PDB file of N, CA and C in Angstrom:
ATOM      1  N   MET A   1      -8.640 103.153 -14.969  1.00  0.00           N
ATOM      2  CA  MET A   1      -7.253 102.860 -14.637  1.00  0.00           C
ATOM      3  C   MET A   1      -6.574 104.080 -14.014  1.00  0.00           C
ATOM      4  N   LYS A   2      -6.809 105.246 -14.596  1.00  0.00           N
ATOM      5  CA  LYS A   2      -6.194 106.456 -14.053  1.00  0.00           C
ATOM      6  C   LYS A   2      -6.708 106.732 -12.639  1.00  0.00           C
ATOM      7  N   MET A   3      -7.991 106.493 -12.433  1.00  0.00           N
ATOM      8  CA  MET A   3      -8.576 106.729 -11.114  1.00  0.00           C
ATOM      9  C   MET A   3      -7.958 105.783 -10.082  1.00  0.00           C
ATOM     10  N   ARG A   4      -7.753 104.546 -10.453  1.00  0.00           N
ATOM     11  CA  ARG A   4      -7.150 103.574  -9.543  1.00  0.00           C
ATOM     12  C   ARG A   4      -5.716 103.988  -9.195  1.00  0.00           C
ATOM     13  N   LEU A   5      -4.965 104.415 -10.197  1.00  0.00           N
ATOM     14  CA  LEU A   5      -3.596 104.867  -9.973  1.00  0.00           C
ATOM     15  C   LEU A   5      -3.579 106.094  -9.063  1.00  0.00           C
ATOM     16  N   LEU A   6      -4.502 106.999  -9.283  1.00  0.00           N
ATOM     17  CA  LEU A   6      -4.608 108.192  -8.451  1.00  0.00           C
ATOM     18  C   LEU A   6      -4.927 107.816  -7.004  1.00  0.00           C
ATOM     19  N   LEU A   7      -5.844 106.880  -6.814  1.00  0.00           N
ATOM     20  CA  LEU A   7      -6.206 106.449  -5.465  1.00  0.00           C
ATOM     21  C   LEU A   7      -5.037 105.765  -4.756  1.00  0.00           C
ATOM     22  N   VAL A   8      -4.283 104.965  -5.478  1.00  0.00           N
ATOM     23  CA  VAL A   8      -3.116 104.300  -4.895  1.00  0.00           C
ATOM     24  C   VAL A   8      -2.072 105.344  -4.495  1.00  0.00           C
ATOM     25  N   ALA A   9      -1.837 106.315  -5.365  1.00  0.00           N
ATOM     26  CA  ALA A   9      -0.871 107.370  -5.058  1.00  0.00           C
ATOM     27  C   ALA A   9      -1.322 108.184  -3.849  1.00  0.00           C
ATOM     28  N   LEU A  10      -2.597 108.506  -3.797  1.00  0.00           N
ATOM     29  CA  LEU A  10      -3.137 109.268  -2.677  1.00  0.00           C
ATOM     30  C   LEU A  10      -3.004 108.481  -1.371  1.00  0.00           C
ATOM     31  N   ALA A  11      -3.297 107.205  -1.415  1.00  0.00           N
ATOM     32  CA  ALA A  11      -3.178 106.363  -0.223  1.00  0.00           C
ATOM     33  C   ALA A  11      -1.724 106.305   0.252  1.00  0.00           C
ATOM     34  N   ALA A  12      -0.792 106.230  -0.679  1.00  0.00           N
ATOM     35  CA  ALA A  12       0.624 106.180  -0.316  1.00  0.00           C
ATOM     36  C   ALA A  12       1.063 107.474   0.355  1.00  0.00           C
ATOM     37  N   VAL A  13       0.624 108.586  -0.175  1.00  0.00           N
ATOM     38  CA  VAL A  13       0.982 109.883   0.404  1.00  0.00           C
ATOM     39  C   VAL A  13       0.364 110.046   1.782  1.00  0.00           C
ATOM     40  N   MET A  14      -0.873 109.662   1.935  1.00  0.00           N
ATOM     41  CA  MET A  14      -1.565 109.814   3.210  1.00  0.00           C
ATOM     42  C   MET A  14      -0.968 108.911   4.286  1.00  0.00           C
ATOM     43  N   SER A  15      -0.475 107.757   3.908  1.00  0.00           N
ATOM     44  CA  SER A  15       0.038 106.814   4.900  1.00  0.00           C
ATOM     45  C   SER A  15       1.447 107.158   5.367  1.00  0.00           C
ATOM     46  N   THR A  16       2.164 108.024   4.679  1.00  0.00           N
ATOM     47  CA  THR A  16       3.529 108.343   5.096  1.00  0.00           C
ATOM     48  C   THR A  16       3.565 109.051   6.434  1.00  0.00           C
ATOM     49  N   SER A  17       2.503 109.748   6.805  1.00  0.00           N
ATOM     50  CA  SER A  17       2.500 110.408   8.110  1.00  0.00           C
ATOM     51  C   SER A  17       2.529 109.383   9.239  1.00  0.00           C
ATOM     52  N   ALA A  18       2.038 108.200   8.982  1.00  0.00           N
ATOM     53  CA  ALA A  18       2.080 107.146   9.997  1.00  0.00           C
ATOM     54  C   ALA A  18       3.510 106.668  10.227  1.00  0.00           C
ATOM     55  N   TRP A  19       4.372 106.829   9.225  1.00  0.00           N
ATOM     56  CA  TRP A  19       5.760 106.408   9.353  1.00  0.00           C
ATOM     57  C   TRP A  19       6.634 107.490   9.983  1.00  0.00           C
ATOM     58  N   ALA A  20       6.129 108.681  10.076  1.00  0.00           N
ATOM     59  CA  ALA A  20       6.925 109.794  10.590  1.00  0.00           C
ATOM     60  C   ALA A  20       7.299 109.555  12.051  1.00  0.00           C
ATOM     61  N   ARG A  21       8.483 109.928  12.390  1.00  0.00           N
ATOM     62  CA  ARG A  21       8.966 109.806  13.763  1.00  0.00           C
ATOM     63  C   ARG A  21       9.044 111.193  14.373  1.00  0.00           C
ATOM     64  N   HIS A  22       8.984 111.234  15.679  1.00  0.00           N
ATOM     65  CA  HIS A  22       8.977 112.530  16.337  1.00  0.00           C
ATOM     66  C   HIS A  22      10.231 112.772  17.166  1.00  0.00           C
ATOM     67  N   CYS A  23      11.308 112.089  16.855  1.00  0.00           N
ATOM     68  CA  CYS A  23      12.554 112.263  17.605  1.00  0.00           C
ATOM     69  C   CYS A  23      13.037 113.719  17.593  1.00  0.00           C
ATOM     70  N   PRO A  24      13.139 114.369  16.414  1.00  0.00           N
ATOM     71  CA  PRO A  24      13.619 115.758  16.408  1.00  0.00           C
ATOM     72  C   PRO A  24      12.725 116.690  17.222  1.00  0.00           C
ATOM     73  N   LYS A  25      11.429 116.470  17.156  1.00  0.00           N
ATOM     74  CA  LYS A  25      10.491 117.292  17.933  1.00  0.00           C
ATOM     75  C   LYS A  25      10.732 117.088  19.427  1.00  0.00           C
ATOM     76  N   ASP A  26      10.935 115.848  19.838  1.00  0.00           N
ATOM     77  CA  ASP A  26      11.192 115.549  21.246  1.00  0.00           C
ATOM     78  C   ASP A  26      12.510 116.174  21.703  1.00  0.00           C
ATOM     79  N   MET A  27      13.538 116.106  20.857  1.00  0.00           N
ATOM     80  CA  MET A  27      14.828 116.693  21.217  1.00  0.00           C
ATOM     81  C   MET A  27      14.696 118.203  21.401  1.00  0.00           C
ATOM     82  N   LYS A  28      13.943 118.849  20.530  1.00  0.00           N
ATOM     83  CA  LYS A  28      13.724 120.296  20.664  1.00  0.00           C
ATOM     84  C   LYS A  28      12.982 120.619  21.953  1.00  0.00           C
ATOM     85  N   ALA A  29      12.003 119.803  22.307  1.00  0.00           N
ATOM     86  CA  ALA A  29      11.251 120.028  23.545  1.00  0.00           C
ATOM     87  C   ALA A  29      12.159 119.873  24.765  1.00  0.00           C
ATOM     88  N   ILE A  30      13.033 118.881  24.732  1.00  0.00           N
ATOM     89  CA  ILE A  30      13.975 118.670  25.834  1.00  0.00           C
ATOM     90  C   ILE A  30      14.935 119.851  25.931  1.00  0.00           C
ATOM     91  N   ASP A  31      15.466 120.278  24.788  1.00  0.00           N
ATOM     92  CA  ASP A  31      16.387 121.416  24.780  1.00  0.00           C
ATOM     93  C   ASP A  31      15.719 122.672  25.335  1.00  0.00           C
ATOM     94  N   ALA A  32      14.465 122.901  24.958  1.00  0.00           N
ATOM     95  CA  ALA A  32      13.735 124.074  25.446  1.00  0.00           C
ATOM     96  C   ALA A  32      13.538 123.993  26.959  1.00  0.00           C
ATOM     97  N   ALA A  33      13.212 122.812  27.452  1.00  0.00           N
ATOM     98  CA  ALA A  33      13.020 122.639  28.893  1.00  0.00           C
ATOM     99  C   ALA A  33      14.338 122.827  29.647  1.00  0.00           C
ATOM    100  N   LEU A  34      15.436 122.337  29.085  1.00  0.00           N
ATOM    101  CA  LEU A  34      16.739 122.505  29.728  1.00  0.00           C
ATOM    102  C   LEU A  34      17.153 123.974  29.764  1.00  0.00           C
ATOM    103  N   ALA A  35      16.787 124.723  28.738  1.00  0.00           N
ATOM    104  CA  ALA A  35      17.126 126.148  28.677  1.00  0.00           C
ATOM    105  C   ALA A  35      16.427 126.947  29.771  1.00  0.00           C
ATOM    106  N   GLU A  36      15.340 126.400  30.302  1.00  0.00           N
ATOM    107  CA  GLU A  36      14.594 127.081  31.363  1.00  0.00           C
ATOM    108  C   GLU A  36      15.117 126.730  32.752  1.00  0.00           C
ATOM    109  N   HIS A  37      16.246 126.036  32.825  1.00  0.00           N
ATOM    110  CA  HIS A  37      16.892 125.671  34.086  1.00  0.00           C
ATOM    111  C   HIS A  37      15.913 124.993  35.053  1.00  0.00           C
ATOM    112  N   PRO A  38      15.505 123.775  34.715  1.00  0.00           N
ATOM    113  CA  PRO A  38      14.530 123.066  35.558  1.00  0.00           C
ATOM    114  C   PRO A  38      15.087 122.756  36.946  1.00  0.00           C
ATOM    115  N   GLN A  39      14.190 122.573  37.879  1.00  0.00           N
ATOM    116  CA  GLN A  39      14.569 122.267  39.259  1.00  0.00           C
ATOM    117  C   GLN A  39      14.895 120.776  39.380  1.00  0.00           C
ATOM    118  N   LEU A  40      16.086 120.419  38.960  1.00  0.00           N
ATOM    119  CA  LEU A  40      16.560 119.042  39.049  1.00  0.00           C
ATOM    120  C   LEU A  40      17.883 119.032  39.792  1.00  0.00           C
ATOM    121  N   SER A  41      18.159 117.917  40.433  1.00  0.00           N
ATOM    122  CA  SER A  41      19.472 117.769  41.071  1.00  0.00           C
ATOM    123  C   SER A  41      20.525 117.636  39.973  1.00  0.00           C
ATOM    124  N   ALA A  42      21.782 117.774  40.352  1.00  0.00           N
ATOM    125  CA  ALA A  42      22.870 117.641  39.387  1.00  0.00           C
ATOM    126  C   ALA A  42      22.861 116.247  38.757  1.00  0.00           C
ATOM    127  N   GLU A  43      22.568 115.234  39.560  1.00  0.00           N
ATOM    128  CA  GLU A  43      22.518 113.861  39.044  1.00  0.00           C
ATOM    129  C   GLU A  43      21.378 113.698  38.047  1.00  0.00           C
ATOM    130  N   GLU A  44      20.209 114.255  38.378  1.00  0.00           N
ATOM    131  CA  GLU A  44      19.064 114.168  37.466  1.00  0.00           C
ATOM    132  C   GLU A  44      19.346 114.916  36.167  1.00  0.00           C
ATOM    133  N   MET A  45      19.978 116.079  36.277  1.00  0.00           N
ATOM    134  CA  MET A  45      20.312 116.861  35.092  1.00  0.00           C
ATOM    135  C   MET A  45      21.280 116.086  34.200  1.00  0.00           C
ATOM    136  N   ASP A  46      22.278 115.457  34.805  1.00  0.00           N
ATOM    137  CA  ASP A  46      23.228 114.642  34.039  1.00  0.00           C
ATOM    138  C   ASP A  46      22.511 113.491  33.336  1.00  0.00           C
ATOM    139  N   GLU A  47      21.573 112.861  34.028  1.00  0.00           N
ATOM    140  CA  GLU A  47      20.824 111.742  33.445  1.00  0.00           C
ATOM    141  C   GLU A  47      19.968 112.212  32.273  1.00  0.00           C
ATOM    142  N   VAL A  48      19.310 113.359  32.416  1.00  0.00           N
ATOM    143  CA  VAL A  48      18.490 113.900  31.321  1.00  0.00           C
ATOM    144  C   VAL A  48      19.369 114.182  30.108  1.00  0.00           C
ATOM    145  N   LYS A  49      20.507 114.813  30.337  1.00  0.00           N
ATOM    146  CA  LYS A  49      21.418 115.132  29.227  1.00  0.00           C
ATOM    147  C   LYS A  49      21.948 113.862  28.568  1.00  0.00           C
ATOM    148  N   LYS A  50      22.236 112.840  29.379  1.00  0.00           N
ATOM    149  CA  LYS A  50      22.712 111.560  28.844  1.00  0.00           C
ATOM    150  C   LYS A  50      21.628 110.907  27.982  1.00  0.00           C
ATOM    151  N   LEU A  51      20.399 110.894  28.484  1.00  0.00           N
ATOM    152  CA  LEU A  51      19.292 110.296  27.736  1.00  0.00           C
ATOM    153  C   LEU A  51      19.021 111.059  26.446  1.00  0.00           C
ATOM    154  N   ARG A  52      19.137 112.371  26.495  1.00  0.00           N
ATOM    155  CA  ARG A  52      18.907 113.196  25.304  1.00  0.00           C
ATOM    156  C   ARG A  52      19.979 112.898  24.251  1.00  0.00           C
ATOM    157  N   ALA A  53      21.244 112.837  24.672  1.00  0.00           N
ATOM    158  CA  ALA A  53      22.342 112.532  23.749  1.00  0.00           C
ATOM    159  C   ALA A  53      22.199 111.123  23.181  1.00  0.00           C
ATOM    160  N   GLU A  54      21.832 110.187  24.032  1.00  0.00           N
ATOM    161  CA  GLU A  54      21.614 108.803  23.594  1.00  0.00           C
ATOM    162  C   GLU A  54      20.486 108.746  22.566  1.00  0.00           C
ATOM    163  N   GLY A  55      19.421 109.489  22.825  1.00  0.00           N
ATOM    164  CA  GLY A  55      18.297 109.530  21.888  1.00  0.00           C
ATOM    165  C   GLY A  55      18.700 110.066  20.535  1.00  0.00           C
ATOM    166  N   GLU A  56      19.542 111.097  20.535  1.00  0.00           N
ATOM    167  CA  GLU A  56      20.002 111.665  19.266  1.00  0.00           C
ATOM    168  C   GLU A  56      20.863 110.673  18.498  1.00  0.00           C
ATOM    169  N   GLU A  57      21.774 109.998  19.200  1.00  0.00           N
ATOM    170  CA  GLU A  57      22.631 109.007  18.543  1.00  0.00           C
ATOM    171  C   GLU A  57      21.802 107.857  17.962  1.00  0.00           C
ATOM    172  N   LEU A  58      20.840 107.383  18.720  1.00  0.00           N
ATOM    173  CA  LEU A  58      19.980 106.301  18.226  1.00  0.00           C
ATOM    174  C   LEU A  58      19.171 106.763  17.019  1.00  0.00           C
ATOM    175  N   HIS A  59      18.706 108.005  17.050  1.00  0.00           N
ATOM    176  CA  HIS A  59      17.954 108.561  15.917  1.00  0.00           C
ATOM    177  C   HIS A  59      18.835 108.584  14.672  1.00  0.00           C
ATOM    178  N   LYS A  60      20.056 109.068  14.823  1.00  0.00           N
ATOM    179  CA  LYS A  60      20.984 109.140  13.689  1.00  0.00           C
ATOM    180  C   LYS A  60      21.316 107.753  13.151  1.00  0.00           C
ATOM    181  N   ALA A  61      21.300 106.753  14.028  1.00  0.00           N
ATOM    182  CA  ALA A  61      21.593 105.374  13.620  1.00  0.00           C
ATOM    183  C   ALA A  61      20.372 104.680  13.021  1.00  0.00           C
ATOM    184  N   GLY A  62      19.240 105.398  12.985  1.00  0.00           N
ATOM    185  CA  GLY A  62      18.028 104.818  12.412  1.00  0.00           C
ATOM    186  C   GLY A  62      17.253 103.934  13.374  1.00  0.00           C
ATOM    187  N   LYS A  63      17.624 103.958  14.632  1.00  0.00           N
ATOM    188  CA  LYS A  63      16.949 103.139  15.647  1.00  0.00           C
ATOM    189  C   LYS A  63      15.892 103.993  16.347  1.00  0.00           C
ATOM    190  N   HIS A  64      14.847 104.321  15.603  1.00  0.00           N
ATOM    191  CA  HIS A  64      13.856 105.282  16.072  1.00  0.00           C
ATOM    192  C   HIS A  64      13.046 104.823  17.288  1.00  0.00           C
ATOM    193  N   PRO A  65      12.595 103.592  17.358  1.00  0.00           N
ATOM    194  CA  PRO A  65      11.855 103.193  18.570  1.00  0.00           C
ATOM    195  C   PRO A  65      12.710 103.324  19.838  1.00  0.00           C
ATOM    196  N   GLU A  66      13.992 102.935  19.740  1.00  0.00           N
ATOM    197  CA  GLU A  66      14.886 103.057  20.886  1.00  0.00           C
ATOM    198  C   GLU A  66      15.139 104.527  21.215  1.00  0.00           C
ATOM    199  N   SER A  67      15.291 105.343  20.171  1.00  0.00           N
ATOM    200  CA  SER A  67      15.488 106.777  20.362  1.00  0.00           C
ATOM    201  C   SER A  67      14.296 107.392  21.070  1.00  0.00           C
ATOM    202  N   GLU A  68      13.108 107.056  20.610  1.00  0.00           N
ATOM    203  CA  GLU A  68      11.891 107.599  21.217  1.00  0.00           C
ATOM    204  C   GLU A  68      11.770 107.179  22.679  1.00  0.00           C
ATOM    205  N   ALA A  69      12.178 105.961  22.999  1.00  0.00           N
ATOM    206  CA  ALA A  69      12.114 105.490  24.386  1.00  0.00           C
ATOM    207  C   ALA A  69      13.076 106.284  25.271  1.00  0.00           C
ATOM    208  N   SER A  70      14.284 106.501  24.791  1.00  0.00           N
ATOM    209  CA  SER A  70      15.268 107.264  25.551  1.00  0.00           C
ATOM    210  C   SER A  70      14.806 108.703  25.750  1.00  0.00           C
ATOM    211  N   LEU A  71      14.309 109.312  24.687  1.00  0.00           N
ATOM    212  CA  LEU A  71      13.834 110.692  24.776  1.00  0.00           C
ATOM    213  C   LEU A  71      12.608 110.797  25.680  1.00  0.00           C
ATOM    214  N   ALA A  72      11.760 109.784  25.659  1.00  0.00           N
ATOM    215  CA  ALA A  72      10.569 109.795  26.516  1.00  0.00           C
ATOM    216  C   ALA A  72      10.965 109.771  27.994  1.00  0.00           C
ATOM    217  N   LYS A  73      12.013 109.017  28.329  1.00  0.00           N
ATOM    218  CA  LYS A  73      12.491 108.983  29.716  1.00  0.00           C
ATOM    219  C   LYS A  73      12.976 110.365  30.146  1.00  0.00           C
ATOM    220  N   ALA A  74      13.732 111.019  29.252  1.00  0.00           N
ATOM    221  CA  ALA A  74      14.234 112.363  29.566  1.00  0.00           C
ATOM    222  C   ALA A  74      13.081 113.342  29.730  1.00  0.00           C
ATOM    223  N   MET A  75      12.091 113.243  28.849  1.00  0.00           N
ATOM    224  CA  MET A  75      10.940 114.142  28.927  1.00  0.00           C
ATOM    225  C   MET A  75      10.157 113.915  30.219  1.00  0.00           C
ATOM    226  N   LYS A  76      10.031 112.670  30.621  1.00  0.00           N
ATOM    227  CA  LYS A  76       9.315 112.367  31.864  1.00  0.00           C
ATOM    228  C   LYS A  76      10.038 112.977  33.059  1.00  0.00           C
ATOM    229  N   MET A  77      11.351 112.875  33.057  1.00  0.00           N
ATOM    230  CA  MET A  77      12.127 113.458  34.151  1.00  0.00           C
ATOM    231  C   MET A  77      11.962 114.974  34.208  1.00  0.00           C
ATOM    232  N   LEU A  78      11.774 115.585  33.027  1.00  0.00           N
ATOM    233  CA  LEU A  78      11.601 117.037  32.950  1.00  0.00           C
ATOM    234  C   LEU A  78      10.150 117.461  33.167  1.00  0.00           C
ATOM    235  N   GLY A  79       9.259 116.496  33.212  1.00  0.00           N
ATOM    236  CA  GLY A  79       7.845 116.810  33.404  1.00  0.00           C
ATOM    237  C   GLY A  79       7.164 117.341  32.160  1.00  0.00           C
ATOM    238  N   ILE A  80       7.651 116.927  30.991  1.00  0.00           N
ATOM    239  CA  ILE A  80       7.024 117.342  29.725  1.00  0.00           C
ATOM    240  C   ILE A  80       6.564 116.135  28.940  1.00  0.00           C
TER     241      ILE A  80
END
């Protein structure tokens, strides 16, 4: 019984990494790329900043898939 409980607990701990989201990591990557003054037009820069802000708001609202999509668009525009 103890072994079964231990295995269930171990499985639960191991599976939590699958639930982890990478929104904060993506936001940091975008911020780092913006700090390097990328070669983007003013319109592109505004769009990247808008997508980054939108991604953060969606993340805070718990809408992680939408946040990741918005951040992915910004990262693509930045070439990261």
